């Protein structure tokens, strides 16, 4: 499925917009990139928190048990 886009608008000081245009800043691209980076940053933070929550449970699982389970699963195929 192709990417679908929507229009998002924001207000900035008129002087800032004029200066950005004068300098040849692609405002849409800058805002799009900034939003993508912020979303990426927050996703990573969300994952970090989930990992911290799961750490106590994961610490109780022995590597040997994981290896044994994988081997048994492979042999059952």
PDB file of N, CA and C in Angstrom:
ATOM      1  N   UNK A   1       0.854  -1.178   0.000  1.00  0.00           N
ATOM      2  CA  UNK A   1       0.000   0.000   0.000  1.00  0.00           C
ATOM      3  C   UNK A   1       0.901   1.242   0.000  1.00  0.00           C
ATOM      4  N   UNK A   2       0.645   2.188  -0.879  1.00  0.00           N
ATOM      5  CA  UNK A   2       1.472   3.389  -0.920  1.00  0.00           C
ATOM      6  C   UNK A   2       1.277   4.234   0.330  1.00  0.00           C
ATOM      7  N   UNK A   3       2.303   5.022   0.635  1.00  0.00           N
ATOM      8  CA  UNK A   3       2.200   5.916   1.789  1.00  0.00           C
ATOM      9  C   UNK A   3       1.061   6.900   1.571  1.00  0.00           C
ATOM     10  N   UNK A   4       0.355   7.155   2.645  1.00  0.00           N
ATOM     11  CA  UNK A   4      -0.722   8.143   2.583  1.00  0.00           C
ATOM     12  C   UNK A   4      -0.291   9.332   3.416  1.00  0.00           C
ATOM     13  N   UNK A   5      -0.538  10.492   2.918  1.00  0.00           N
ATOM     14  CA  UNK A   5      -0.124  11.713   3.585  1.00  0.00           C
ATOM     15  C   UNK A   5      -1.341  12.532   3.976  1.00  0.00           C
ATOM     16  N   UNK A   6      -1.170  13.291   5.039  1.00  0.00           N
ATOM     17  CA  UNK A   6      -2.178  14.267   5.447  1.00  0.00           C
ATOM     18  C   UNK A   6      -1.450  15.593   5.619  1.00  0.00           C
ATOM     19  N   UNK A   7      -2.194  16.650   5.677  1.00  0.00           N
ATOM     20  CA  UNK A   7      -1.609  17.968   5.894  1.00  0.00           C
ATOM     21  C   UNK A   7      -1.676  18.286   7.373  1.00  0.00           C
ATOM     22  N   UNK A   8      -0.527  18.703   7.906  1.00  0.00           N
ATOM     23  CA  UNK A   8      -0.441  19.135   9.303  1.00  0.00           C
ATOM     24  C   UNK A   8       0.027  20.577   9.266  1.00  0.00           C
ATOM     25  N   UNK A   9      -0.632  21.424  10.011  1.00  0.00           N
ATOM     26  CA  UNK A   9      -0.224  22.832   9.986  1.00  0.00           C
ATOM     27  C   UNK A   9       0.233  23.278  11.370  1.00  0.00           C
ATOM     28  N   UNK A  10       1.026  24.337  11.362  1.00  0.00           N
ATOM     29  CA  UNK A  10       1.506  24.908  12.610  1.00  0.00           C
ATOM     30  C   UNK A  10       1.672  26.406  12.429  1.00  0.00           C
ATOM     31  N   UNK A  11       1.726  27.109  13.509  1.00  0.00           N
ATOM     32  CA  UNK A  11       1.937  28.552  13.455  1.00  0.00           C
ATOM     33  C   UNK A  11       3.363  28.868  13.896  1.00  0.00           C
ATOM     34  N   UNK A  12       4.000  29.739  13.142  1.00  0.00           N
ATOM     35  CA  UNK A  12       5.326  30.233  13.499  1.00  0.00           C
ATOM     36  C   UNK A  12       5.313  31.749  13.355  1.00  0.00           C
ATOM     37  N   UNK A  13       6.276  32.382  14.001  1.00  0.00           N
ATOM     38  CA  UNK A  13       6.372  33.838  13.868  1.00  0.00           C
ATOM     39  C   UNK A  13       6.603  34.195  12.401  1.00  0.00           C
ATOM     40  N   UNK A  14       5.979  35.256  11.953  1.00  0.00           N
ATOM     41  CA  UNK A  14       6.097  35.685  10.569  1.00  0.00           C
ATOM     42  C   UNK A  14       7.561  35.929  10.199  1.00  0.00           C
ATOM     43  N   UNK A  15       8.303  36.541  11.102  1.00  0.00           N
ATOM     44  CA  UNK A  15       9.710  36.847  10.833  1.00  0.00           C
ATOM     45  C   UNK A  15      10.522  35.568  10.608  1.00  0.00           C
ATOM     46  N   UNK A  16      10.194  34.524  11.361  1.00  0.00           N
ATOM     47  CA  UNK A  16      10.900  33.253  11.218  1.00  0.00           C
ATOM     48  C   UNK A  16      10.624  32.647   9.845  1.00  0.00           C
ATOM     49  N   UNK A  17       9.378  32.669   9.436  1.00  0.00           N
ATOM     50  CA  UNK A  17       9.014  32.120   8.125  1.00  0.00           C
ATOM     51  C   UNK A  17       9.692  32.907   7.016  1.00  0.00           C
ATOM     52  N   UNK A  18       9.698  34.224   7.127  1.00  0.00           N
ATOM     53  CA  UNK A  18      10.330  35.058   6.104  1.00  0.00           C
ATOM     54  C   UNK A  18      11.831  34.784   6.022  1.00  0.00           C
ATOM     55  N   UNK A  19      12.481  34.662   7.165  1.00  0.00           N
ATOM     56  CA  UNK A  19      13.922  34.393   7.194  1.00  0.00           C
ATOM     57  C   UNK A  19      14.224  33.010   6.630  1.00  0.00           C
ATOM     58  N   UNK A  20      13.403  32.037   6.968  1.00  0.00           N
ATOM     59  CA  UNK A  20      13.594  30.685   6.442  1.00  0.00           C
ATOM     60  C   UNK A  20      13.470  30.680   4.924  1.00  0.00           C
ATOM     61  N   UNK A  21      12.483  31.353   4.401  1.00  0.00           N
ATOM     62  CA  UNK A  21      12.297  31.429   2.944  1.00  0.00           C
ATOM     63  C   UNK A  21      13.488  32.142   2.296  1.00  0.00           C
ATOM     64  N   UNK A  22      13.920  33.250   2.905  1.00  0.00           N
ATOM     65  CA  UNK A  22      15.048  34.009   2.368  1.00  0.00           C
ATOM     66  C   UNK A  22      16.302  33.134   2.293  1.00  0.00           C
ATOM     67  N   UNK A  23      16.467  32.257   3.290  1.00  0.00           N
ATOM     68  CA  UNK A  23      17.638  31.391   3.338  1.00  0.00           C
ATOM     69  C   UNK A  23      17.471  30.116   2.505  1.00  0.00           C
ATOM     70  N   UNK A  24      16.329  29.952   1.909  1.00  0.00           N
ATOM     71  CA  UNK A  24      16.096  28.786   1.070  1.00  0.00           C
ATOM     72  C   UNK A  24      15.785  27.517   1.837  1.00  0.00           C
ATOM     73  N   UNK A  25      15.300  27.670   3.068  1.00  0.00           N
ATOM     74  CA  UNK A  25      14.959  26.518   3.892  1.00  0.00           C
ATOM     75  C   UNK A  25      13.672  25.889   3.366  1.00  0.00           C
ATOM     76  N   UNK A  26      13.716  24.580   3.157  1.00  0.00           N
ATOM     77  CA  UNK A  26      12.515  23.849   2.777  1.00  0.00           C
ATOM     78  C   UNK A  26      11.756  23.547   4.070  1.00  0.00           C
ATOM     79  N   UNK A  27      10.818  24.412   4.397  1.00  0.00           N
ATOM     80  CA  UNK A  27      10.119  24.343   5.683  1.00  0.00           C
ATOM     81  C   UNK A  27       9.404  23.008   5.861  1.00  0.00           C
ATOM     82  N   UNK A  28       8.725  22.549   4.841  1.00  0.00           N
ATOM     83  CA  UNK A  28       8.004  21.276   4.945  1.00  0.00           C
ATOM     84  C   UNK A  28       8.951  20.133   5.278  1.00  0.00           C
ATOM     85  N   UNK A  29      10.093  20.106   4.587  1.00  0.00           N
ATOM     86  CA  UNK A  29      11.056  19.029   4.809  1.00  0.00           C
ATOM     87  C   UNK A  29      11.635  19.092   6.225  1.00  0.00           C
ATOM     88  N   UNK A  30      11.953  20.281   6.686  1.00  0.00           N
ATOM     89  CA  UNK A  30      12.508  20.438   8.034  1.00  0.00           C
ATOM     90  C   UNK A  30      11.502  19.981   9.078  1.00  0.00           C
ATOM     91  N   UNK A  31      10.260  20.391   8.939  1.00  0.00           N
ATOM     92  CA  UNK A  31       9.230  19.997   9.899  1.00  0.00           C
ATOM     93  C   UNK A  31       8.961  18.499   9.841  1.00  0.00           C
ATOM     94  N   UNK A  32       8.923  17.946   8.636  1.00  0.00           N
ATOM     95  CA  UNK A  32       8.686  16.505   8.471  1.00  0.00           C
ATOM     96  C   UNK A  32       9.806  15.705   9.150  1.00  0.00           C
ATOM     97  N   UNK A  33      11.055  16.113   8.890  1.00  0.00           N
ATOM     98  CA  UNK A  33      12.201  15.421   9.482  1.00  0.00           C
ATOM     99  C   UNK A  33      12.193  15.541  11.007  1.00  0.00           C
ATOM    100  N   UNK A  34      11.880  16.732  11.505  1.00  0.00           N
ATOM    101  CA  UNK A  34      11.847  16.937  12.958  1.00  0.00           C
ATOM    102  C   UNK A  34      10.773  16.068  13.610  1.00  0.00           C
ATOM    103  N   UNK A  35       9.618  15.956  12.976  1.00  0.00           N
ATOM    104  CA  UNK A  35       8.543  15.129  13.522  1.00  0.00           C
ATOM    105  C   UNK A  35       8.927  13.657  13.484  1.00  0.00           C
ATOM    106  N   UNK A  36       9.540  13.217  12.392  1.00  0.00           N
ATOM    107  CA  UNK A  36       9.975  11.825  12.299  1.00  0.00           C
ATOM    108  C   UNK A  36      11.004  11.504  13.381  1.00  0.00           C
ATOM    109  N   UNK A  37      11.945  12.402  13.611  1.00  0.00           N
ATOM    110  CA  UNK A  37      12.960  12.187  14.642  1.00  0.00           C
ATOM    111  C   UNK A  37      12.347  12.140  16.038  1.00  0.00           C
ATOM    112  N   UNK A  38      11.398  13.010  16.294  1.00  0.00           N
ATOM    113  CA  UNK A  38      10.746  13.032  17.609  1.00  0.00           C
ATOM    114  C   UNK A  38       9.964  11.744  17.848  1.00  0.00           C
ATOM    115  N   UNK A  39       9.261  11.264  16.830  1.00  0.00           N
ATOM    116  CA  UNK A  39       8.509  10.016  16.957  1.00  0.00           C
ATOM    117  C   UNK A  39       9.474   8.855  17.198  1.00  0.00           C
ATOM    118  N   UNK A  40      10.570   8.825  16.464  1.00  0.00           N
ATOM    119  CA  UNK A  40      11.575   7.780  16.643  1.00  0.00           C
ATOM    120  C   UNK A  40      12.140   7.807  18.059  1.00  0.00           C
ATOM    121  N   UNK A  41      12.462   8.982  18.549  1.00  0.00           N
ATOM    122  CA  UNK A  41      13.000   9.138  19.904  1.00  0.00           C
ATOM    123  C   UNK A  41      12.016   8.626  20.956  1.00  0.00           C
ATOM    124  N   UNK A  42      10.761   8.970  20.788  1.00  0.00           N
ATOM    125  CA  UNK A  42       9.754   8.543  21.771  1.00  0.00           C
ATOM    126  C   UNK A  42       9.478   7.048  21.698  1.00  0.00           C
ATOM    127  N   UNK A  43       9.528   6.463  20.492  1.00  0.00           N
ATOM    128  CA  UNK A  43       9.367   5.007  20.371  1.00  0.00           C
ATOM    129  C   UNK A  43      10.490   4.284  21.105  1.00  0.00           C
ATOM    130  N   UNK A  44      11.712   4.778  20.912  1.00  0.00           N
ATOM    131  CA  UNK A  44      12.849   4.165  21.591  1.00  0.00           C
ATOM    132  C   UNK A  44      12.713   4.273  23.105  1.00  0.00           C
ATOM    133  N   UNK A  45      12.259   5.408  23.584  1.00  0.00           N
ATOM    134  CA  UNK A  45      12.053   5.585  25.024  1.00  0.00           C
ATOM    135  C   UNK A  45      10.972   4.630  25.531  1.00  0.00           C
ATOM    136  N   UNK A  46       9.919   4.479  24.747  1.00  0.00           N
ATOM    137  CA  UNK A  46       8.839   3.558  25.106  1.00  0.00           C
ATOM    138  C   UNK A  46       9.377   2.124  25.193  1.00  0.00           C
ATOM    139  N   UNK A  47      10.189   1.721  24.230  1.00  0.00           N
ATOM    140  CA  UNK A  47      10.792   0.385  24.245  1.00  0.00           C
ATOM    141  C   UNK A  47      11.723   0.204  25.441  1.00  0.00           C
ATOM    142  N   UNK A  48      12.508   1.240  25.743  1.00  0.00           N
ATOM    143  CA  UNK A  48      13.417   1.168  26.883  1.00  0.00           C
ATOM    144  C   UNK A  48      12.640   0.924  28.174  1.00  0.00           C
ATOM    145  N   UNK A  49      11.522   1.617  28.339  1.00  0.00           N
ATOM    146  CA  UNK A  49      10.699   1.437  29.537  1.00  0.00           C
ATOM    147  C   UNK A  49      10.113   0.024  29.609  1.00  0.00           C
ATOM    148  N   UNK A  50       9.673  -0.504  28.463  1.00  0.00           N
ATOM    149  CA  UNK A  50       9.120  -1.857  28.442  1.00  0.00           C
ATOM    150  C   UNK A  50      10.191  -2.885  28.788  1.00  0.00           C
ATOM    151  N   UNK A  51      11.402  -2.681  28.270  1.00  0.00           N
ATOM    152  CA  UNK A  51      12.503  -3.592  28.578  1.00  0.00           C
ATOM    153  C   UNK A  51      12.811  -3.556  30.072  1.00  0.00           C
ATOM    154  N   UNK A  52      12.815  -2.360  30.651  1.00  0.00           N
ATOM    155  CA  UNK A  52      13.057  -2.244  32.092  1.00  0.00           C
ATOM    156  C   UNK A  52      11.995  -2.991  32.889  1.00  0.00           C
ATOM    157  N   UNK A  53      10.748  -2.917  32.426  1.00  0.00           N
ATOM    158  CA  UNK A  53       9.662  -3.612  33.121  1.00  0.00           C
ATOM    159  C   UNK A  53       9.825  -5.129  33.016  1.00  0.00           C
ATOM    160  N   UNK A  54      10.319  -5.595  31.878  1.00  0.00           N
ATOM    161  CA  UNK A  54      10.453  -7.029  31.652  1.00  0.00           C
ATOM    162  C   UNK A  54      11.754  -7.604  32.203  1.00  0.00           C
ATOM    163  N   UNK A  55      12.709  -6.769  32.501  1.00  0.00           N
ATOM    164  CA  UNK A  55      14.030  -7.234  32.932  1.00  0.00           C
ATOM    165  C   UNK A  55      13.968  -8.240  34.080  1.00  0.00           C
ATOM    166  N   UNK A  56      13.200  -7.993  35.134  1.00  0.00           N
ATOM    167  CA  UNK A  56      13.168  -8.963  36.230  1.00  0.00           C
ATOM    168  C   UNK A  56      12.692 -10.353  35.790  1.00  0.00           C
ATOM    169  N   UNK A  57      11.758 -10.400  34.873  1.00  0.00           N
ATOM    170  CA  UNK A  57      11.251 -11.682  34.379  1.00  0.00           C
ATOM    171  C   UNK A  57      12.307 -12.344  33.495  1.00  0.00           C
ATOM    172  N   UNK A  58      12.891 -11.562  32.600  1.00  0.00           N
ATOM    173  CA  UNK A  58      13.878 -12.110  31.678  1.00  0.00           C
ATOM    174  C   UNK A  58      15.125 -12.614  32.405  1.00  0.00           C
ATOM    175  N   UNK A  59      15.477 -11.967  33.506  1.00  0.00           N
ATOM    176  CA  UNK A  59      16.657 -12.390  34.265  1.00  0.00           C
ATOM    177  C   UNK A  59      16.494 -13.778  34.873  1.00  0.00           C
ATOM    178  N   UNK A  60      15.255 -14.203  35.077  1.00  0.00           N
ATOM    179  CA  UNK A  60      14.999 -15.520  35.681  1.00  0.00           C
ATOM    180  C   UNK A  60      15.062 -16.654  34.661  1.00  0.00           C
ATOM    181  N   UNK A  61      15.086 -16.299  33.379  1.00  0.00           N
ATOM    182  CA  UNK A  61      15.132 -17.327  32.339  1.00  0.00           C
ATOM    183  C   UNK A  61      16.587 -17.655  32.044  1.00  0.00           C
ATOM    184  N   UNK A  62      16.916 -18.926  32.179  1.00  0.00           N
ATOM    185  CA  UNK A  62      18.300 -19.352  31.941  1.00  0.00           C
ATOM    186  C   UNK A  62      18.530 -19.573  30.449  1.00  0.00           C
ATOM    187  N   UNK A  63      19.698 -19.198  29.975  1.00  0.00           N
ATOM    188  CA  UNK A  63      20.073 -19.386  28.570  1.00  0.00           C
ATOM    189  C   UNK A  63      19.983 -20.861  28.190  1.00  0.00           C
ATOM    190  N   UNK A  64      20.387 -21.730  29.100  1.00  0.00           N
ATOM    191  CA  UNK A  64      20.347 -23.174  28.829  1.00  0.00           C
ATOM    192  C   UNK A  64      18.928 -23.630  28.524  1.00  0.00           C
ATOM    193  N   UNK A  65      17.949 -23.081  29.225  1.00  0.00           N
ATOM    194  CA  UNK A  65      16.551 -23.438  28.981  1.00  0.00           C
ATOM    195  C   UNK A  65      16.092 -22.977  27.598  1.00  0.00           C
ATOM    196  N   UNK A  66      16.550 -21.808  27.195  1.00  0.00           N
ATOM    197  CA  UNK A  66      16.195 -21.295  25.869  1.00  0.00           C
ATOM    198  C   UNK A  66      16.791 -22.192  24.788  1.00  0.00           C
ATOM    199  N   UNK A  67      18.076 -22.519  24.935  1.00  0.00           N
ATOM    200  CA  UNK A  67      18.754 -23.379  23.961  1.00  0.00           C
ATOM    201  C   UNK A  67      18.065 -24.735  23.885  1.00  0.00           C
ATOM    202  N   UNK A  68      17.730 -25.290  25.039  1.00  0.00           N
ATOM    203  CA  UNK A  68      17.060 -26.594  25.076  1.00  0.00           C
ATOM    204  C   UNK A  68      15.711 -26.532  24.356  1.00  0.00           C
ATOM    205  N   UNK A  69      14.973 -25.474  24.593  1.00  0.00           N
ATOM    206  CA  UNK A  69      13.670 -25.320  23.965  1.00  0.00           C
ATOM    207  C   UNK A  69      13.791 -25.196  22.448  1.00  0.00           C
ATOM    208  N   UNK A  70      14.777 -24.446  21.984  1.00  0.00           N
ATOM    209  CA  UNK A  70      14.990 -24.296  20.545  1.00  0.00           C
ATOM    210  C   UNK A  70      15.357 -25.635  19.923  1.00  0.00           C
ATOM    211  N   UNK A  71      16.245 -26.367  20.579  1.00  0.00           N
ATOM    212  CA  UNK A  71      16.651 -27.678  20.049  1.00  0.00           C
ATOM    213  C   UNK A  71      15.471 -28.634  19.969  1.00  0.00           C
ATOM    214  N   UNK A  72      14.667 -28.655  21.020  1.00  0.00           N
ATOM    215  CA  UNK A  72      13.499 -29.540  21.013  1.00  0.00           C
ATOM    216  C   UNK A  72      12.523 -29.169  19.907  1.00  0.00           C
ATOM    217  N   UNK A  73      12.353 -27.887  19.693  1.00  0.00           N
ATOM    218  CA  UNK A  73      11.457 -27.426  18.646  1.00  0.00           C
ATOM    219  C   UNK A  73      11.984 -27.836  17.273  1.00  0.00           C
ATOM    220  N   UNK A  74      13.279 -27.684  17.046  1.00  0.00           N
ATOM    221  CA  UNK A  74      13.874 -28.066  15.765  1.00  0.00           C
ATOM    222  C   UNK A  74      13.765 -29.556  15.528  1.00  0.00           C
ATOM    223  N   UNK A  75      13.980 -30.343  16.547  1.00  0.00           N
ATOM    224  CA  UNK A  75      13.929 -31.796  16.401  1.00  0.00           C
ATOM    225  C   UNK A  75      12.500 -32.284  16.145  1.00  0.00           C
ATOM    226  N   UNK A  76      11.519 -31.538  16.618  1.00  0.00           N
ATOM    227  CA  UNK A  76      10.131 -31.935  16.445  1.00  0.00           C
ATOM    228  C   UNK A  76       9.636 -31.698  15.020  1.00  0.00           C
ATOM    229  N   UNK A  77      10.376 -30.946  14.244  1.00  0.00           N
ATOM    230  CA  UNK A  77       9.934 -30.623  12.859  1.00  0.00           C
ATOM    231  C   UNK A  77      10.160 -31.747  11.921  1.00  0.00           C
TER     232      UNK A  77
END
